Amino acid sequence: MQREVIIPRLGSSDESDEVRILRWLKEPGAQVTKGDGLLEVETDKVNVEIEAPDDGRLMEIKAQAGDTVKFSAVVAIIEKGG
């Protein structure tokens, strides 16, 4: 079963609707545990680490470091139990 990794809303509603991906902390194929840091993103005000939503294997990265994405964007796929 696959689980999408999405960018959650990170602050107050007066912030931008986008974040910039600073770097990935895991590579495709890496085993991850729920709560592990997957990537770092930057908003207008802060840098935030996005955590793995489930245990599994990071199968696909859909947005690269330097990309700007909207909140709720799917940025990766985790194969649960993988």
C-alpha atoms as a PDB file:
ATOM      1  CA  MET A   1       0.000   0.000   0.000  1.00  0.00           C
ATOM      2  CA  GLN A   2       1.306   3.444  -0.892  1.00  0.00           C
ATOM      3  CA  ARG A   3       1.180   6.603   1.205  1.00  0.00           C
ATOM      4  CA  GLU A   4       1.600  10.082  -0.249  1.00  0.00           C
ATOM      5  CA  VAL A   5       3.866  12.548   1.515  1.00  0.00           C
ATOM      6  CA  ILE A   6       2.227  15.965   1.371  1.00  0.00           C
ATOM      7  CA  ILE A   7       3.330  19.415   2.467  1.00  0.00           C
ATOM      8  CA  PRO A   8       1.165  20.419   5.437  1.00  0.00           C
ATOM      9  CA  ARG A   9       0.125  24.003   6.127  1.00  0.00           C
ATOM     10  CA  LEU A  10       2.906  25.234   8.357  1.00  0.00           C
ATOM     11  CA  GLY A  11       1.791  28.537   9.770  1.00  0.00           C
ATOM     12  CA  SER A  12      -0.803  31.238   9.944  1.00  0.00           C
ATOM     13  CA  SER A  13      -3.079  31.981   7.026  1.00  0.00           C
ATOM     14  CA  ASP A  14      -1.233  35.225   6.244  1.00  0.00           C
ATOM     15  CA  GLU A  15       1.828  33.336   5.008  1.00  0.00           C
ATOM     16  CA  SER A  16       2.460  32.428   1.410  1.00  0.00           C
ATOM     17  CA  ASP A  17       0.693  29.392  -0.033  1.00  0.00           C
ATOM     18  CA  GLU A  18       4.023  27.907  -1.086  1.00  0.00           C
ATOM     19  CA  VAL A  19       7.225  26.492   0.346  1.00  0.00           C
ATOM     20  CA  ARG A  20      10.624  25.923  -1.199  1.00  0.00           C
ATOM     21  CA  ILE A  21      12.248  22.521  -0.794  1.00  0.00           C
ATOM     22  CA  LEU A  22      15.701  23.044   0.676  1.00  0.00           C
ATOM     23  CA  ARG A  23      16.960  19.457   0.734  1.00  0.00           C
ATOM     24  CA  TRP A  24      15.963  15.834   1.019  1.00  0.00           C
ATOM     25  CA  LEU A  25      17.219  13.996   4.095  1.00  0.00           C
ATOM     26  CA  LYS A  26      16.490  10.530   2.654  1.00  0.00           C
ATOM     27  CA  GLU A  27      17.196   9.005  -0.754  1.00  0.00           C
ATOM     28  CA  PRO A  28      14.744   6.938  -2.815  1.00  0.00           C
ATOM     29  CA  GLY A  29      14.892   3.339  -1.642  1.00  0.00           C
ATOM     30  CA  ALA A  30      15.661   4.303   1.963  1.00  0.00           C
ATOM     31  CA  GLN A  31      13.749   2.620   4.759  1.00  0.00           C
ATOM     32  CA  VAL A  32      11.898   5.227   6.884  1.00  0.00           C
ATOM     33  CA  THR A  33      10.095   5.135  10.209  1.00  0.00           C
ATOM     34  CA  LYS A  34       7.083   7.275  11.019  1.00  0.00           C
ATOM     35  CA  GLY A  35       8.427  10.557  12.390  1.00  0.00           C
ATOM     36  CA  ASP A  36      11.803  10.378  10.605  1.00  0.00           C
ATOM     37  CA  GLY A  37      12.808  13.619   8.922  1.00  0.00           C
ATOM     38  CA  LEU A  38      12.354  13.314   5.143  1.00  0.00           C
ATOM     39  CA  LEU A  39      12.997  16.804   3.842  1.00  0.00           C
ATOM     40  CA  GLU A  40      13.530  20.400   4.863  1.00  0.00           C
ATOM     41  CA  VAL A  41      11.370  23.201   3.487  1.00  0.00           C
ATOM     42  CA  GLU A  42      11.473  26.965   3.774  1.00  0.00           C
ATOM     43  CA  THR A  43       8.497  29.294   4.227  1.00  0.00           C
ATOM     44  CA  ASP A  44       8.516  33.092   4.335  1.00  0.00           C
ATOM     45  CA  LYS A  45       9.329  32.912   8.039  1.00  0.00           C
ATOM     46  CA  VAL A  46      10.859  29.563   9.040  1.00  0.00           C
ATOM     47  CA  ASN A  47      12.650  26.420   7.921  1.00  0.00           C
ATOM     48  CA  VAL A  48      10.775  23.231   8.826  1.00  0.00           C
ATOM     49  CA  GLU A  49      11.534  19.511   8.674  1.00  0.00           C
ATOM     50  CA  ILE A  50       8.746  17.387   7.169  1.00  0.00           C
ATOM     51  CA  GLU A  51       8.447  13.955   8.771  1.00  0.00           C
ATOM     52  CA  ALA A  52       7.574  10.563   7.333  1.00  0.00           C
ATOM     53  CA  PRO A  53       3.843   9.909   7.798  1.00  0.00           C
ATOM     54  CA  ASP A  54       4.304   6.094   8.013  1.00  0.00           C
ATOM     55  CA  ASP A  55       6.860   3.314   8.238  1.00  0.00           C
ATOM     56  CA  GLY A  56       8.003   1.978   4.888  1.00  0.00           C
ATOM     57  CA  ARG A  57      10.359   2.590   1.974  1.00  0.00           C
ATOM     58  CA  LEU A  58      10.730   5.951   0.228  1.00  0.00           C
ATOM     59  CA  MET A  59       9.845   4.901  -3.309  1.00  0.00           C
ATOM     60  CA  GLU A  60       9.645   8.146  -5.259  1.00  0.00           C
ATOM     61  CA  ILE A  61      10.535  11.810  -4.874  1.00  0.00           C
ATOM     62  CA  LYS A  62       8.225  14.020  -6.947  1.00  0.00           C
ATOM     63  CA  ALA A  63       9.735  17.453  -6.174  1.00  0.00           C
ATOM     64  CA  GLN A  64      13.439  18.256  -6.052  1.00  0.00           C
ATOM     65  CA  ALA A  65      15.559  20.531  -3.871  1.00  0.00           C
ATOM     66  CA  GLY A  66      15.059  24.093  -5.087  1.00  0.00           C
ATOM     67  CA  ASP A  67      11.495  23.470  -6.275  1.00  0.00           C
ATOM     68  CA  THR A  68       8.678  25.665  -4.979  1.00  0.00           C
ATOM     69  CA  VAL A  69       5.472  23.759  -4.203  1.00  0.00           C
ATOM     70  CA  LYS A  70       2.068  24.611  -2.784  1.00  0.00           C
ATOM     71  CA  PHE A  71       0.769  23.384   0.551  1.00  0.00           C
ATOM     72  CA  SER A  72      -0.955  19.990   0.125  1.00  0.00           C
ATOM     73  CA  ALA A  73       1.330  19.133  -2.820  1.00  0.00           C
ATOM     74  CA  VAL A  74       2.390  15.480  -3.044  1.00  0.00           C
ATOM     75  CA  VAL A  75       6.191  15.498  -2.888  1.00  0.00           C
ATOM     76  CA  ALA A  76       6.978  11.799  -2.360  1.00  0.00           C
ATOM     77  CA  ILE A  77       5.557   8.286  -2.166  1.00  0.00           C
ATOM     78  CA  ILE A  78       6.218   5.805   0.643  1.00  0.00           C
ATOM     79  CA  GLU A  79       5.508   2.106   0.160  1.00  0.00           C
ATOM     80  CA  LYS A  80       4.108   1.097   3.546  1.00  0.00           C
ATOM     81  CA  GLY A  81       5.815  -1.884   5.105  1.00  0.00           C
ATOM     82  CA  GLY A  82       8.248  -1.789   2.198  1.00  0.00           C
END
